[in-house]
């Protein structure tokens, strides 16, 4: 597993198009890639492991997970 984005300063988060309420600047989010595993497979695993927790999103080349207190899903 490779963390492609973790903690970001607010300026960098804005520059890369991060959400205004992103968990990256809080140090509570990671974008990950698993070598030779499609992000949809990674997302499916995380959804199974954490069915009622966290923010879990799938993008074309990575999967996002954050430690928000409410459940959120996208992608």
Protein backbone atom coordinates (compact mmCIF):
# COMPACT_ATOMS: atom_id res chain seq x y z
CA UNK A 1 0.00 0.00 0.00
CA UNK A 2 1.21 3.49 -0.85
CA UNK A 3 -0.14 6.64 0.75
CA UNK A 4 -0.31 9.09 -2.14
CA UNK A 5 -1.63 11.96 -0.02
CA UNK A 6 -1.83 12.36 3.73
CA UNK A 7 -1.60 15.47 5.86
CA UNK A 8 -1.78 18.65 3.77
CA UNK A 9 -1.41 22.28 4.70
CA UNK A 10 -4.54 24.31 3.84
CA UNK A 11 -2.77 26.12 0.98
CA UNK A 12 -1.74 22.87 -0.70
CA UNK A 13 -5.17 21.37 -0.14
CA UNK A 14 -6.70 24.36 -1.97
CA UNK A 15 -4.12 24.13 -4.76
CA UNK A 16 -4.93 20.46 -5.48
CA UNK A 17 -8.68 21.07 -5.39
CA UNK A 18 -9.31 19.51 -1.98
CA UNK A 19 -12.71 19.99 -0.38
CA UNK A 20 -13.17 23.02 1.88
CA UNK A 21 -13.98 20.70 4.80
CA UNK A 22 -11.28 18.18 3.85
CA UNK A 23 -9.86 15.94 6.56
CA UNK A 24 -6.39 16.07 4.98
CA UNK A 25 -5.38 19.41 6.62
CA UNK A 26 -6.51 17.97 9.95
CA UNK A 27 -4.18 15.00 9.55
CA UNK A 28 -7.19 12.66 9.53
CA UNK A 29 -7.27 11.43 5.92
CA UNK A 30 -5.23 9.38 3.48
CA UNK A 31 -5.44 8.67 -0.22
CA UNK A 32 -4.06 5.21 -0.87
CA UNK A 33 -3.12 2.90 -3.72
CA UNK A 34 -2.55 -0.83 -3.43
CA UNK A 35 -0.15 -2.14 -6.07
CA UNK A 36 -1.97 -4.04 -8.83
CA UNK A 37 -5.34 -3.71 -7.07
CA UNK A 38 -8.08 -1.57 -8.61
CA UNK A 39 -9.38 1.22 -6.35
CA UNK A 40 -12.88 -0.26 -6.55
CA UNK A 41 -11.56 -3.45 -4.92
CA UNK A 42 -9.85 -1.44 -2.17
CA UNK A 43 -13.04 0.55 -1.60
CA UNK A 44 -15.11 -2.65 -1.44
CA UNK A 45 -12.75 -4.05 1.21
CA UNK A 46 -12.94 -0.86 3.28
CA UNK A 47 -16.74 -0.74 2.99
CA UNK A 48 -16.91 -4.30 4.29
CA UNK A 49 -14.44 -3.65 7.11
CA UNK A 50 -16.01 -0.33 8.17
CA UNK A 51 -19.70 -0.54 7.16
CA UNK A 52 -20.88 2.26 9.46
CA UNK A 53 -17.78 4.38 9.97
CA UNK A 54 -15.48 6.88 8.30
CA UNK A 55 -15.40 8.63 4.97
CA UNK A 56 -14.56 6.24 2.15
CA UNK A 57 -14.35 7.36 -1.45
CA UNK A 58 -13.21 5.79 -4.72
CA UNK A 59 -11.44 7.71 -7.45
CA UNK A 60 -10.02 6.45 -10.73
CA UNK A 61 -6.48 5.91 -9.40
CA UNK A 62 -6.77 5.84 -5.60
CA UNK A 63 -9.06 5.28 -2.64
CA UNK A 64 -9.69 7.86 0.09
CA UNK A 65 -10.34 7.09 3.76
CA UNK A 66 -10.77 9.53 6.62
CA UNK A 67 -11.70 9.32 10.27
CA UNK A 68 -14.77 11.57 10.33
CA UNK A 69 -17.26 10.66 13.02
CA UNK A 70 -20.15 10.15 10.61
CA UNK A 71 -20.40 7.67 7.74
CA UNK A 72 -19.79 9.15 4.27
CA UNK A 73 -19.46 7.36 0.91
CA UNK A 74 -18.72 8.51 -2.63
CA UNK A 75 -17.37 7.29 -5.93
